[in-house]
C-alpha cells in the first residue's frame, strides 16, 4: 500500500512539474497577428488583450548640423513589450533593424516610416512593424 502511494505521489509530482514547465513561455490567449502600428512617443498599442507595446522614447545622438564630430551618432526608438509573463525593453535604431522577443517566441519587431512621414518631425512618429508566426 505504501509503495503504491509513493508511486502515485511521484507520478503526480512529475505531471505537475511538466505542466509548470510548459507555462514558462506563456502565449497570449488570442493569436498575435502581424501588423503595422503608427505610433507617437508615450503611446501604447494593444496587440491582444494581454500583450501591449509602449513607445517609450526617441533619442538622437547624431552630430548637429555644421559641427565637426568624431562619431556620427544614431537615432534610436525605445519600446517596452508587456505580457502576462513579464516585460522586456528593446530599441530599434533604423528601418530594417529587428528585435526578436524572448517572451513571445517567433514574434519579431521592426520599424518603418511609411505613413508617418507627413507628421511633424517633433512628434518622432514611427510605425511599429510586428511579424508573428
Protein backbone atom coordinates (compact mmCIF):
# COMPACT_ATOMS: atom_id res chain seq x y z
CA UNK A 1 0.00 0.00 0.00
CA UNK A 2 2.77 2.43 0.94
CA UNK A 3 4.69 1.60 -2.23
CA UNK A 4 1.62 2.26 -4.38
CA UNK A 5 1.00 5.64 -2.65
CA UNK A 6 4.64 6.59 -3.20
CA UNK A 7 4.38 5.74 -6.90
CA UNK A 8 1.22 7.84 -7.28
CA UNK A 9 2.88 10.76 -5.48
CA UNK A 10 5.89 10.60 -7.84
CA UNK A 11 3.62 10.40 -10.86
CA UNK A 12 1.57 13.39 -9.65
CA UNK A 13 4.74 15.44 -8.95
CA UNK A 14 6.15 14.63 -12.39
CA UNK A 15 2.90 15.62 -14.13
CA UNK A 16 2.73 18.87 -12.13
CA UNK A 17 6.34 19.78 -12.97
CA UNK A 18 5.76 19.11 -16.67
CA UNK A 19 2.67 21.32 -16.62
CA UNK A 20 4.54 24.13 -14.89
CA UNK A 21 7.45 23.85 -17.32
CA UNK A 22 5.01 24.32 -20.17
CA UNK A 23 3.94 27.67 -18.66
CA UNK A 24 7.41 29.22 -18.92
CA UNK A 25 6.64 30.87 -22.26
CA UNK A 26 3.05 31.91 -21.71
CA UNK A 27 1.36 32.52 -25.04
CA UNK A 28 -1.38 35.14 -25.40
CA UNK A 29 -4.92 33.78 -25.26
CA UNK A 30 -5.60 35.22 -28.71
CA UNK A 31 -3.19 34.67 -31.57
CA UNK A 32 -0.99 37.68 -32.17
CA UNK A 33 -1.22 38.80 -35.77
CA UNK A 34 1.31 40.59 -37.92
CA UNK A 35 0.56 44.26 -38.46
CA UNK A 36 1.75 47.85 -38.76
CA UNK A 37 1.07 50.30 -35.93
CA UNK A 38 1.77 54.04 -36.40
CA UNK A 39 2.91 55.38 -33.02
CA UNK A 40 3.97 58.57 -31.29
CA UNK A 41 6.06 58.85 -28.15
CA UNK A 42 4.34 57.53 -24.96
CA UNK A 43 1.64 55.78 -26.97
CA UNK A 44 0.59 52.22 -26.05
CA UNK A 45 -0.76 49.76 -28.62
CA UNK A 46 -2.65 46.62 -27.55
CA UNK A 47 -1.66 43.71 -29.79
CA UNK A 48 -4.01 41.34 -27.90
CA UNK A 49 -5.94 41.83 -24.64
CA UNK A 50 -2.85 40.66 -22.71
CA UNK A 51 0.01 41.91 -24.93
CA UNK A 52 0.90 45.55 -25.47
CA UNK A 53 3.81 47.66 -26.70
CA UNK A 54 4.65 51.15 -25.45
CA UNK A 55 6.77 53.60 -27.47
CA UNK A 56 8.84 54.95 -24.58
CA UNK A 57 11.18 57.46 -26.11
CA UNK A 58 13.22 58.69 -29.02
CA UNK A 59 16.92 59.51 -28.71
CA UNK A 60 19.06 61.32 -31.26
CA UNK A 61 22.81 61.39 -30.75
CA UNK A 62 23.63 62.44 -34.31
CA UNK A 63 26.19 65.14 -34.94
CA UNK A 64 24.48 68.58 -35.07
CA UNK A 65 24.39 70.37 -38.40
CA UNK A 66 27.55 72.40 -39.01
CA UNK A 67 29.53 70.73 -36.19
CA UNK A 68 32.63 68.57 -36.61
CA UNK A 69 32.17 65.27 -34.80
CA UNK A 70 34.31 62.18 -34.32
CA UNK A 71 31.24 59.93 -34.24
CA UNK A 72 28.22 60.29 -36.49
CA UNK A 73 25.80 59.19 -33.76
CA UNK A 74 22.47 57.46 -34.25
CA UNK A 75 18.72 57.74 -33.85
CA UNK A 76 17.07 55.18 -31.55
CA UNK A 77 13.42 54.34 -30.85
CA UNK A 78 12.84 52.61 -27.48
CA UNK A 79 9.88 50.37 -26.66
CA UNK A 80 8.54 48.18 -23.85
CA UNK A 81 6.71 44.94 -24.60
CA UNK A 82 4.32 43.88 -21.81
CA UNK A 83 2.74 40.43 -21.48
CA UNK A 84 1.27 38.31 -18.68
CA UNK A 85 4.69 36.64 -18.40
CA UNK A 86 6.56 39.92 -17.85
CA UNK A 87 8.01 42.76 -19.86
CA UNK A 88 11.07 43.38 -21.99
CA UNK A 89 12.62 46.59 -23.25
CA UNK A 90 14.07 46.94 -26.72
CA UNK A 91 15.43 49.60 -29.04
CA UNK A 92 15.33 49.80 -32.81
CA UNK A 93 17.85 52.09 -34.48
CA UNK A 94 16.97 52.09 -38.16
CA UNK A 95 14.47 50.84 -40.69
CA UNK A 96 15.26 47.16 -41.19
CA UNK A 97 16.57 46.68 -37.63
CA UNK A 98 14.80 43.75 -35.92
CA UNK A 99 14.12 42.65 -32.34
CA UNK A 100 13.26 39.01 -31.61
CA UNK A 101 11.12 38.70 -28.49
CA UNK A 102 12.09 36.19 -25.83
CA UNK A 103 8.66 36.48 -24.17
CA UNK A 104 6.82 35.77 -27.43
CA UNK A 105 8.96 33.25 -29.33
CA UNK A 106 8.73 33.70 -33.09
CA UNK A 107 7.45 37.30 -32.85
CA UNK A 108 9.69 39.98 -34.38
CA UNK A 109 9.51 43.76 -34.13
CA UNK A 110 10.85 46.34 -36.56
CA UNK A 111 10.19 49.94 -37.57
CA UNK A 112 9.34 51.81 -40.74
CA UNK A 113 8.29 55.33 -41.58
CA UNK A 114 5.62 54.62 -44.19
CA UNK A 115 2.54 56.67 -43.40
CA UNK A 116 4.16 58.92 -40.78
CA UNK A 117 6.49 60.99 -42.98
CA UNK A 118 3.88 63.75 -43.26
CA UNK A 119 3.74 64.21 -39.47
CA UNK A 120 5.78 66.99 -37.83
CA UNK A 121 9.35 65.86 -37.13
CA UNK A 122 8.96 66.90 -33.47
CA UNK A 123 6.50 64.03 -32.94
CA UNK A 124 9.19 61.45 -33.76
CA UNK A 125 6.42 59.26 -35.14
CA UNK A 126 7.34 55.76 -36.23
CA UNK A 127 5.49 52.69 -37.49
CA UNK A 128 5.99 49.58 -35.37
CA UNK A 129 6.07 46.53 -37.64
CA UNK A 130 5.04 43.30 -35.91
CA UNK A 131 5.72 39.96 -37.56
CA UNK A 132 4.04 36.93 -35.97
CA UNK A 133 4.50 33.28 -36.88
